[in-house]
């Protein structure tokens, strides 16, 4: 989920096939900030093993979506888009703008100064590409670090910028790592911003204007339905919600961008286990009293 300059929410949804042989479908929706208007913008066949992972908007409100084909992990031949970032065209079609090497898992995406940063939940680390008319095919990562390692269940998920520093959520370790972007564009030395068992399964992250980081936690044995946390500029963690009934595998956070929604934090419930409990994805609007940090 992301918010465009008009204040509308742009939401990505993966609809699972009824059986393992059925195709998954990716959908992009435009949702008004009051939730009264919902319009489908695009629909994409993802094959039985594909899924939309995250959405980002560039400075012109063009929509980009990270998509992964889990065929390799499932032992099946890949037929979908692969490990790609796609751009949504005005006619509802998609064009690939980045293709990562086999074995990658693009998860979180974010623009900073016109460049697209991509977290890799499989190989660890961060990719960076220039988005243009040609498909970017990077051969090496912008950042590789033992603080964002590979080889676990899920690695790096949500990413966000505060100034010229990238912050990345480590899903499995329950930590947030910060990485300065040097003047020459290379990655500075990564450091641990905060680390806690409460942050295990951390996914979407977003900054407010006070420099505090808001963190959505999918859910673990400690927080079965998920959690919401806020981290101060010094790394102190505040628990705002842990396993309440209104959370259901929260995946992403985004602040409103209009005068009436500036202090609204929108939270997307992914309802990952909906195929078991019958629940559906939902969007919550939380009044948090402070605007979000403008994106660059």
Protein backbone atom coordinates (compact mmCIF):
# COMPACT_ATOMS: atom_id res chain seq x y z
CA UNK A 1 0.00 0.00 0.00
CA UNK A 2 1.10 3.56 -0.79
CA UNK A 3 -0.62 6.96 -0.86
CA UNK A 4 -0.57 9.16 -3.96
CA UNK A 5 -0.34 12.95 -4.07
CA UNK A 6 -4.14 13.27 -4.26
CA UNK A 7 -4.47 11.33 -1.02
CA UNK A 8 -5.84 8.11 -2.49
CA UNK A 9 -4.53 4.76 -1.29
CA UNK A 10 -2.98 2.51 -3.94
CA UNK A 11 -3.29 -1.05 -2.70
CA UNK A 12 -1.84 -4.31 -4.02
CA UNK A 13 -3.69 -7.56 -3.44
CA UNK A 14 -2.84 -11.17 -4.20
CA UNK A 15 -5.87 -13.44 -4.62
CA UNK A 16 -4.89 -17.03 -3.98
CA UNK A 17 -6.05 -19.80 -6.30
CA UNK A 18 -8.65 -22.17 -4.84
CA UNK A 19 -6.28 -25.13 -5.29
CA UNK A 20 -2.47 -25.36 -5.76
CA UNK A 21 -3.05 -25.86 -9.49
CA UNK A 22 -5.08 -22.66 -9.88
CA UNK A 23 -3.45 -19.37 -10.72
CA UNK A 24 -2.97 -16.54 -8.25
CA UNK A 25 -4.03 -13.10 -9.42
CA UNK A 26 -2.50 -9.78 -8.58
CA UNK A 27 -4.77 -6.77 -8.37
CA UNK A 28 -4.11 -3.04 -7.91
CA UNK A 29 -6.87 -0.95 -6.32
CA UNK A 30 -7.41 2.76 -5.76
CA UNK A 31 -9.17 3.47 -2.45
CA UNK A 32 -10.37 6.91 -1.38
CA UNK A 33 -9.06 8.01 2.04
CA UNK A 34 -12.55 7.77 3.54
CA UNK A 35 -12.97 4.24 2.16
CA UNK A 36 -16.16 5.03 0.22
CA UNK A 37 -14.72 4.66 -3.29
CA UNK A 38 -12.85 1.52 -4.40
CA UNK A 39 -11.73 1.12 -8.01
CA UNK A 40 -9.73 -1.70 -9.59
CA UNK A 41 -6.87 -0.32 -11.69
CA UNK A 42 -5.24 -3.52 -12.91
CA UNK A 43 -5.39 -7.32 -12.87
CA UNK A 44 -2.48 -9.69 -13.55
CA UNK A 45 -2.20 -13.47 -13.84
CA UNK A 46 0.61 -14.47 -11.46
CA UNK A 47 0.50 -18.26 -12.04
CA UNK A 48 0.01 -20.62 -9.06
CA UNK A 49 3.20 -19.45 -7.35
CA UNK A 50 3.25 -15.68 -7.84
CA UNK A 51 2.44 -12.90 -5.38
CA UNK A 52 2.51 -9.12 -5.18
CA UNK A 53 4.87 -8.08 -2.41
CA UNK A 54 4.88 -4.27 -2.11
CA UNK A 55 4.01 -1.01 -3.84
CA UNK A 56 5.83 2.30 -4.27
CA UNK A 57 5.03 5.50 -6.17
CA UNK A 58 7.51 7.73 -7.96
CA UNK A 59 7.39 11.53 -8.02
CA UNK A 60 4.85 11.41 -10.87
CA UNK A 61 2.50 9.05 -8.99
CA UNK A 62 3.36 6.15 -11.28
CA UNK A 63 2.75 2.83 -9.54
CA UNK A 64 5.48 0.20 -9.10
CA UNK A 65 4.91 -3.23 -7.64
CA UNK A 66 7.38 -5.90 -6.51
CA UNK A 67 6.29 -9.39 -7.54
CA UNK A 68 7.86 -12.75 -6.89
CA UNK A 69 7.32 -16.21 -8.35
CA UNK A 70 7.84 -18.80 -5.61
CA UNK A 71 8.00 -21.66 -8.11
CA UNK A 72 11.62 -22.49 -7.27
CA UNK A 73 10.84 -22.86 -3.57
CA UNK A 74 7.80 -24.96 -4.46
CA UNK A 75 9.76 -27.27 -6.74
CA UNK A 76 7.70 -26.26 -9.77
CA UNK A 77 8.81 -24.67 -13.05
CA UNK A 78 8.51 -20.88 -12.99
CA UNK A 79 5.89 -19.51 -15.36
CA UNK A 80 5.18 -16.10 -13.84
CA UNK A 81 6.92 -12.72 -13.85
CA UNK A 82 9.85 -14.00 -11.76
CA UNK A 83 11.62 -11.77 -9.26
CA UNK A 84 10.63 -8.47 -10.81
CA UNK A 85 9.52 -4.93 -10.23
CA UNK A 86 6.73 -3.90 -12.61
CA UNK A 87 5.36 -0.47 -13.51
CA UNK A 88 1.63 -0.02 -13.98
CA UNK A 89 0.76 1.66 -17.29
CA UNK A 90 -2.18 4.00 -17.89
CA UNK A 91 -4.02 1.29 -19.84
CA UNK A 92 -3.85 -1.20 -16.93
CA UNK A 93 -0.99 -3.26 -18.36
CA UNK A 94 2.36 -3.78 -16.66
CA UNK A 95 5.91 -3.21 -17.90
CA UNK A 96 8.96 -4.74 -16.19
CA UNK A 97 11.47 -2.15 -14.99
CA UNK A 98 13.79 -4.37 -12.93
CA UNK A 99 14.64 -8.07 -12.90
CA UNK A 100 16.67 -9.52 -10.07
CA UNK A 101 18.82 -12.66 -10.37
CA UNK A 102 17.31 -16.10 -9.78
CA UNK A 103 16.93 -16.89 -6.10
CA UNK A 104 16.06 -13.31 -5.15
CA UNK A 105 12.88 -12.35 -3.35
CA UNK A 106 12.00 -8.68 -3.87
CA UNK A 107 10.01 -7.63 -0.85
CA UNK A 108 10.06 -3.95 0.17
CA UNK A 109 10.58 -1.20 -2.40
CA UNK A 110 11.14 2.53 -1.89
CA UNK A 111 12.26 5.50 -4.00
CA UNK A 112 14.95 7.88 -2.82
CA UNK A 113 16.22 10.71 -5.01
CA UNK A 114 14.86 9.01 -8.12
CA UNK A 115 16.49 5.63 -7.50
CA UNK A 116 14.58 2.49 -6.55
CA UNK A 117 15.78 0.45 -3.56
CA UNK A 118 14.63 -3.17 -3.22
CA UNK A 119 14.99 -5.40 -0.17
CA UNK A 120 15.71 -9.09 -0.72
CA UNK A 121 13.91 -11.40 1.71
CA UNK A 122 15.73 -14.49 0.36
CA UNK A 123 19.33 -13.48 -0.29
CA UNK A 124 19.42 -10.69 2.26
CA UNK A 125 20.76 -7.24 1.50
CA UNK A 126 19.45 -4.38 -0.63
CA UNK A 127 19.39 -3.86 -4.39
CA UNK A 128 19.34 -0.47 -6.09
CA UNK A 129 18.34 0.26 -9.68
CA UNK A 130 17.76 3.18 -12.00
CA UNK A 131 14.24 3.06 -13.36
CA UNK A 132 13.93 3.85 -17.06
CA UNK A 133 12.58 2.49 -20.32
CA UNK A 134 14.97 -0.48 -20.34
CA UNK A 135 14.74 -3.32 -17.83
CA UNK A 136 17.42 -2.98 -15.14
CA UNK A 137 19.20 -6.27 -14.45
CA UNK A 138 21.62 -5.67 -11.57
CA UNK A 139 24.29 -8.27 -11.01
CA UNK A 140 25.42 -7.13 -7.57
CA UNK A 141 23.66 -5.68 -4.56
CA UNK A 142 23.95 -2.12 -3.34
CA UNK A 143 24.38 -3.51 0.18
CA UNK A 144 25.36 -6.88 1.57
CA UNK A 145 25.73 -7.17 5.33
CA UNK A 146 25.74 -9.72 8.09
CA UNK A 147 23.07 -7.59 9.76
CA UNK A 148 20.74 -8.35 6.84
CA UNK A 149 21.73 -11.95 6.09
CA UNK A 150 20.31 -14.63 3.82
CA UNK A 151 19.41 -18.24 4.44
CA UNK A 152 16.54 -17.85 6.89
CA UNK A 153 12.76 -18.17 6.70
CA UNK A 154 12.23 -14.52 5.73
CA UNK A 155 14.95 -11.88 5.70
CA UNK A 156 14.66 -8.18 4.86
CA UNK A 157 11.11 -6.88 4.45
CA UNK A 158 9.99 -3.24 4.75
CA UNK A 159 12.32 -0.36 3.96
CA UNK A 160 11.93 3.40 4.46
CA UNK A 161 14.10 6.50 4.33
CA UNK A 162 14.69 9.25 6.87
CA UNK A 163 16.82 11.87 5.19
CA UNK A 164 19.72 10.11 3.52
CA UNK A 165 19.52 7.04 5.73
CA UNK A 166 17.77 3.83 4.75
CA UNK A 167 16.05 1.78 7.46
CA UNK A 168 15.29 -1.91 6.87
CA UNK A 169 13.21 -4.39 8.87
CA UNK A 170 14.74 -7.81 9.51
CA UNK A 171 11.67 -10.06 9.77
CA UNK A 172 13.28 -13.11 11.33
CA UNK A 173 15.65 -11.36 13.73
CA UNK A 174 13.25 -8.71 15.04
CA UNK A 175 15.51 -5.77 14.38
CA UNK A 176 15.66 -2.57 12.39
CA UNK A 177 18.94 -1.81 10.64
CA UNK A 178 19.95 1.65 9.42
CA UNK A 179 22.26 2.30 6.50
CA UNK A 180 23.51 5.77 5.54
CA UNK A 181 23.65 6.65 1.85
CA UNK A 182 27.01 8.30 1.24
CA UNK A 183 27.45 11.34 -0.97
CA UNK A 184 28.78 9.18 -3.78
CA UNK A 185 25.68 6.97 -3.54
CA UNK A 186 27.39 3.96 -1.99
CA UNK A 187 26.19 2.34 1.22
CA UNK A 188 27.71 3.41 4.51
CA UNK A 189 28.29 1.10 7.46
CA UNK A 190 25.07 -0.62 8.62
CA UNK A 191 24.21 -0.45 12.33
CA UNK A 192 21.42 -1.85 14.49
CA UNK A 193 18.83 0.85 15.21
CA UNK A 194 16.77 -1.34 17.55
CA UNK A 195 16.35 -5.04 18.32
CA UNK A 196 13.59 -6.81 20.27
CA UNK A 197 11.64 -10.04 20.36
CA UNK A 198 8.55 -7.82 20.03
CA UNK A 199 9.68 -6.87 16.51
CA UNK A 200 9.95 -10.41 15.18
CA UNK A 201 7.98 -10.59 11.90
CA UNK A 202 8.37 -6.82 11.41
CA UNK A 203 7.13 -5.94 7.93
CA UNK A 204 5.92 -2.48 6.86
CA UNK A 205 7.58 0.61 8.33
CA UNK A 206 6.93 4.36 8.01
CA UNK A 207 8.35 7.53 9.60
CA UNK A 208 6.45 10.45 11.07
CA UNK A 209 7.62 14.09 11.04
CA UNK A 210 9.07 13.71 14.54
CA UNK A 211 11.47 11.09 13.21
CA UNK A 212 9.73 8.19 14.93
CA UNK A 213 9.45 4.88 13.10
CA UNK A 214 6.12 3.05 13.06
CA UNK A 215 6.41 -0.73 12.63
CA UNK A 216 3.75 -3.28 11.64
CA UNK A 217 4.45 -6.79 12.92
CA UNK A 218 2.78 -9.62 10.97
CA UNK A 219 2.28 -11.97 13.90
CA UNK A 220 4.20 -14.57 15.86
CA UNK A 221 3.72 -16.85 18.85
CA UNK A 222 4.05 -13.69 20.95
CA UNK A 223 1.62 -11.66 18.82
CA UNK A 224 -0.66 -14.10 16.94
CA UNK A 225 -2.78 -11.48 15.16
CA UNK A 226 0.04 -8.95 14.84
CA UNK A 227 1.32 -5.85 16.52
CA UNK A 228 1.95 -2.15 16.08
CA UNK A 229 5.04 -0.48 17.56
CA UNK A 230 6.67 2.93 17.50
CA UNK A 231 10.41 3.46 17.79
CA UNK A 232 11.83 6.79 18.96
CA UNK A 233 14.72 8.53 17.22
CA UNK A 234 17.02 7.00 19.84
CA UNK A 235 15.74 3.44 19.28
CA UNK A 236 13.38 3.17 22.28
CA UNK A 237 10.45 0.86 21.46
CA UNK A 238 6.85 1.64 22.49
CA UNK A 239 4.19 -1.05 22.21
CA UNK A 240 0.98 0.46 20.83
CA UNK A 241 -0.96 -2.72 20.15
CA UNK A 242 -0.14 -6.40 20.61
CA UNK A 243 -2.55 -9.07 19.39
CA UNK A 244 -5.74 -6.95 19.43
CA UNK A 245 -8.84 -8.11 17.58
CA UNK A 246 -8.52 -5.35 14.99
CA UNK A 247 -5.16 -6.54 13.65
CA UNK A 248 -5.01 -9.43 11.18
CA UNK A 249 -1.50 -10.00 9.84
CA UNK A 250 -0.72 -6.29 9.24
CA UNK A 251 1.68 -5.81 6.36
CA UNK A 252 2.08 -2.13 5.55
CA UNK A 253 1.75 1.39 6.97
CA UNK A 254 1.33 4.69 5.12
CA UNK A 255 0.56 8.22 6.27
CA UNK A 256 -2.10 10.37 4.63
CA UNK A 257 -0.94 13.16 2.31
CA UNK A 258 -3.81 15.65 2.37
CA UNK A 259 -4.70 18.34 4.92
CA UNK A 260 -7.55 16.23 6.29
CA UNK A 261 -5.53 12.98 6.48
CA UNK A 262 -2.06 14.26 7.38
CA UNK A 263 -2.23 12.80 10.89
CA UNK A 264 -3.91 9.57 9.76
CA UNK A 265 -1.86 6.40 9.70
CA UNK A 266 -3.37 3.85 7.33
CA UNK A 267 -2.65 0.23 8.22
CA UNK A 268 -3.20 -2.65 5.82
CA UNK A 269 -4.33 -5.98 7.30
CA UNK A 270 -3.08 -8.68 4.93
CA UNK A 271 -5.29 -11.49 6.33
CA UNK A 272 -2.65 -14.01 5.26
CA UNK A 273 -4.50 -16.87 6.99
CA UNK A 274 -7.86 -15.94 5.49
CA UNK A 275 -7.95 -19.24 3.60
CA UNK A 276 -8.13 -20.92 7.03
CA UNK A 277 -10.26 -18.55 9.11
CA UNK A 278 -12.40 -16.93 6.38
CA UNK A 279 -11.18 -13.40 7.13
CA UNK A 280 -10.46 -10.80 4.45
CA UNK A 281 -7.91 -8.01 4.02
CA UNK A 282 -8.87 -4.64 5.43
CA UNK A 283 -7.53 -1.11 5.83
CA UNK A 284 -7.58 0.72 9.16
CA UNK A 285 -7.38 4.49 9.61
CA UNK A 286 -5.67 5.38 12.89
CA UNK A 287 -5.50 8.96 14.20
CA UNK A 288 -1.98 9.33 15.56
CA UNK A 289 -1.73 13.11 16.01
CA UNK A 290 1.39 13.69 13.90
CA UNK A 291 1.91 13.86 10.11
CA UNK A 292 4.07 11.45 8.19
CA UNK A 293 7.55 12.28 6.98
CA UNK A 294 7.37 13.47 3.35
CA UNK A 295 8.87 11.06 0.84
CA UNK A 296 11.81 12.18 -1.32
